[in-house]
């Protein structure tokens, strides 16, 4: 029997997919997407804000204190799930800058009035341009920014659950310890 070149194509394709899956299973963080922002200066945040809330200035991200930058939307159920944690962080004195994106301003304002705002300032990004600059894929996403304005950590998803406790909390504690030591 003569072997045709096209007959080899399916097993070669299968082997390639199997190799990619094997490599993917053993990489450092198979759940996370790499962020091009970690280790670099924080990108600009739109100066557009929500009525009645302070707007975000770039100087807020380099004021000497660790800052959280939280991308959220009123229509986002995971954003609502993490809201109590954001309020707790705000009560602890952690500075949180909110970026409301791909939302309607009236819906965002209603949400913040009803649920209480944990944010020291709120940017309004209805077209998602700031989110693109930061590499945000979907809300909520939270970034830890050091006192010099460098992005230290990116967390995708709500600030609840074991992933939050195992990855975000230690990264925030490390950032705060480093800020306190300097």
Protein backbone atom coordinates (compact mmCIF):
# COMPACT_ATOMS: atom_id res chain seq x y z
CA UNK A 1 0.00 0.00 0.00
CA UNK A 2 1.34 3.40 -1.00
CA UNK A 3 1.26 6.15 1.67
CA UNK A 4 -0.06 9.45 0.38
CA UNK A 5 1.29 12.72 1.87
CA UNK A 6 -2.23 13.92 2.77
CA UNK A 7 -2.72 10.83 4.93
CA UNK A 8 0.07 12.05 7.21
CA UNK A 9 -1.55 15.44 7.79
CA UNK A 10 -4.15 14.45 10.46
CA UNK A 11 -1.64 12.64 12.75
CA UNK A 12 0.86 15.52 12.38
CA UNK A 13 -1.80 18.09 13.29
CA UNK A 14 -2.90 15.96 16.25
CA UNK A 15 0.69 15.62 17.46
CA UNK A 16 1.18 19.40 17.23
CA UNK A 17 -1.97 20.07 19.29
CA UNK A 18 -0.95 17.45 21.85
CA UNK A 19 2.49 19.05 22.19
CA UNK A 20 0.95 22.51 22.70
CA UNK A 21 -1.44 21.14 25.33
CA UNK A 22 1.41 19.39 27.14
CA UNK A 23 3.54 22.55 27.17
CA UNK A 24 0.54 24.64 28.31
CA UNK A 25 -0.17 22.35 31.26
CA UNK A 26 3.33 22.77 32.65
CA UNK A 27 3.87 26.49 32.25
CA UNK A 28 4.18 28.61 35.41
CA UNK A 29 0.61 29.97 35.55
CA UNK A 30 -1.68 28.10 33.14
CA UNK A 31 -4.71 30.23 34.13
CA UNK A 32 -3.13 33.66 33.75
CA UNK A 33 -2.53 35.72 30.69
CA UNK A 34 0.77 37.56 30.69
CA UNK A 35 0.52 41.30 31.12
CA UNK A 36 2.78 43.58 29.14
CA UNK A 37 2.15 46.27 31.77
CA UNK A 38 3.71 44.52 34.78
CA UNK A 39 7.08 46.09 35.54
CA UNK A 40 6.36 49.15 33.40
CA UNK A 41 4.97 52.61 34.14
CA UNK A 42 1.21 52.70 34.47
CA UNK A 43 -0.47 53.78 31.23
CA UNK A 44 -2.47 56.97 31.15
CA UNK A 45 -6.04 56.92 32.39
CA UNK A 46 -8.71 58.96 30.65
CA UNK A 47 -9.30 62.34 32.32
CA UNK A 48 -13.04 61.91 31.69
CA UNK A 49 -14.89 61.23 34.93
CA UNK A 50 -18.30 60.60 36.43
CA UNK A 51 -20.25 63.62 37.64
CA UNK A 52 -19.77 64.22 41.35
CA UNK A 53 -16.62 62.12 41.68
CA UNK A 54 -13.00 63.27 41.50
CA UNK A 55 -11.32 62.52 38.18
CA UNK A 56 -8.14 60.49 37.91
CA UNK A 57 -4.86 62.29 37.41
CA UNK A 58 -1.71 60.41 36.47
CA UNK A 59 -0.01 61.91 39.53
CA UNK A 60 -2.38 59.85 41.70
CA UNK A 61 -0.57 56.71 40.56
CA UNK A 62 2.84 58.01 41.60
CA UNK A 63 2.09 59.71 44.92
CA UNK A 64 4.32 57.45 47.01
CA UNK A 65 1.57 55.05 48.09
CA UNK A 66 0.44 51.71 46.68
CA UNK A 67 -2.69 52.22 44.58
CA UNK A 68 -5.18 49.74 43.21
CA UNK A 69 -6.59 50.46 39.75
CA UNK A 70 -9.88 48.61 39.37
CA UNK A 71 -11.67 48.27 36.02
CA UNK A 72 -15.38 47.71 36.58
CA UNK A 73 -18.85 48.15 35.09
CA UNK A 74 -22.33 48.38 36.61
CA UNK A 75 -23.59 45.59 34.32
CA UNK A 76 -20.87 43.18 35.49
CA UNK A 77 -22.00 40.54 38.07
CA UNK A 78 -18.41 39.65 39.14
CA UNK A 79 -17.80 43.37 39.74
CA UNK A 80 -20.74 43.37 42.12
CA UNK A 81 -19.38 40.25 43.84
CA UNK A 82 -16.03 41.94 44.56
CA UNK A 83 -17.53 45.26 45.67
CA UNK A 84 -17.57 44.41 49.42
CA UNK A 85 -13.84 43.60 49.25
CA UNK A 86 -13.14 46.95 47.57
CA UNK A 87 -15.11 48.71 50.31
CA UNK A 88 -13.09 46.85 52.95
CA UNK A 89 -9.81 47.85 51.30
CA UNK A 90 -10.98 51.48 51.15
CA UNK A 91 -11.85 51.36 54.87
CA UNK A 92 -8.31 50.07 55.54
CA UNK A 93 -6.96 53.18 53.83
CA UNK A 94 -5.89 51.56 50.58
CA UNK A 95 -6.19 54.01 47.70
CA UNK A 96 -8.40 52.63 44.92
CA UNK A 97 -8.88 54.30 41.56
CA UNK A 98 -11.90 53.06 39.63
CA UNK A 99 -12.14 52.94 35.86
CA UNK A 100 -15.72 52.45 34.75
CA UNK A 101 -15.68 51.16 31.21
CA UNK A 102 -18.08 50.22 28.44
CA UNK A 103 -20.93 51.45 30.60
CA UNK A 104 -23.58 54.16 30.67
CA UNK A 105 -22.78 57.05 33.01
CA UNK A 106 -26.25 57.07 34.58
CA UNK A 107 -26.03 53.32 35.33
CA UNK A 108 -22.56 53.74 36.84
CA UNK A 109 -23.67 56.68 38.97
CA UNK A 110 -26.73 54.80 40.22
CA UNK A 111 -24.58 51.81 41.11
CA UNK A 112 -22.08 53.90 43.08
CA UNK A 113 -24.87 55.74 44.92
CA UNK A 114 -26.68 52.52 45.85
CA UNK A 115 -23.64 50.41 46.74
CA UNK A 116 -21.30 53.15 48.06
CA UNK A 117 -18.12 54.07 46.25
CA UNK A 118 -14.80 52.60 47.40
CA UNK A 119 -12.94 54.79 44.90
CA UNK A 120 -10.85 57.88 45.66
CA UNK A 121 -11.39 58.89 42.02
CA UNK A 122 -13.37 57.48 39.11
CA UNK A 123 -12.52 57.57 35.42
CA UNK A 124 -15.23 57.05 32.82
CA UNK A 125 -14.13 55.03 29.78
CA UNK A 126 -17.29 54.34 27.75
CA UNK A 127 -15.44 53.23 24.62
CA UNK A 128 -12.87 51.14 26.48
CA UNK A 129 -9.79 52.96 25.19
CA UNK A 130 -8.12 53.18 28.60
CA UNK A 131 -8.91 49.49 29.15
CA UNK A 132 -7.15 48.67 25.88
CA UNK A 133 -4.08 50.67 26.94
CA UNK A 134 -3.95 48.71 30.19
CA UNK A 135 -4.49 45.37 28.43
CA UNK A 136 -7.81 44.67 30.14
CA UNK A 137 -9.67 41.71 28.66
CA UNK A 138 -12.90 41.75 30.70
CA UNK A 139 -14.16 43.27 33.93
CA UNK A 140 -13.28 43.15 36.68
CA UNK A 141 -9.52 43.50 36.54
CA UNK A 142 -7.40 45.03 39.26
CA UNK A 143 -3.84 46.28 39.03
CA UNK A 144 -1.46 46.96 41.91
CA UNK A 145 0.62 50.07 41.22
CA UNK A 146 3.57 51.02 43.43
CA UNK A 147 4.20 54.52 44.80
CA UNK A 148 6.34 55.44 41.80
CA UNK A 149 3.64 54.57 39.27
CA UNK A 150 4.94 51.15 38.18
CA UNK A 151 2.46 48.33 37.61
CA UNK A 152 3.43 45.49 39.94
CA UNK A 153 0.61 42.99 39.48
CA UNK A 154 -2.47 42.28 37.38
CA UNK A 155 -5.41 40.27 38.67
CA UNK A 156 -8.16 39.15 36.34
CA UNK A 157 -11.52 38.39 37.87
CA UNK A 158 -13.30 39.37 41.05
CA UNK A 159 -11.44 39.92 44.31
CA UNK A 160 -13.09 36.92 45.96
CA UNK A 161 -12.30 33.23 46.39
CA UNK A 162 -9.20 31.14 46.70
CA UNK A 163 -7.41 32.51 43.62
CA UNK A 164 -7.76 36.01 45.08
CA UNK A 165 -6.51 34.82 48.47
CA UNK A 166 -3.59 32.85 47.04
CA UNK A 167 -2.35 35.31 44.44
CA UNK A 168 -3.71 38.84 44.92
CA UNK A 169 -3.52 39.15 48.71
CA UNK A 170 0.17 38.13 48.90
CA UNK A 171 1.04 40.45 45.99
CA UNK A 172 -0.72 43.37 47.72
CA UNK A 173 0.97 42.60 51.05
CA UNK A 174 4.36 42.42 49.33
CA UNK A 175 3.76 45.77 47.60
CA UNK A 176 2.69 47.41 50.86
CA UNK A 177 5.71 45.96 52.70
CA UNK A 178 8.04 47.27 50.00
CA UNK A 179 6.39 50.70 50.18
CA UNK A 180 6.74 50.73 53.96
CA UNK A 181 10.41 49.79 53.76
CA UNK A 182 11.29 52.64 51.42
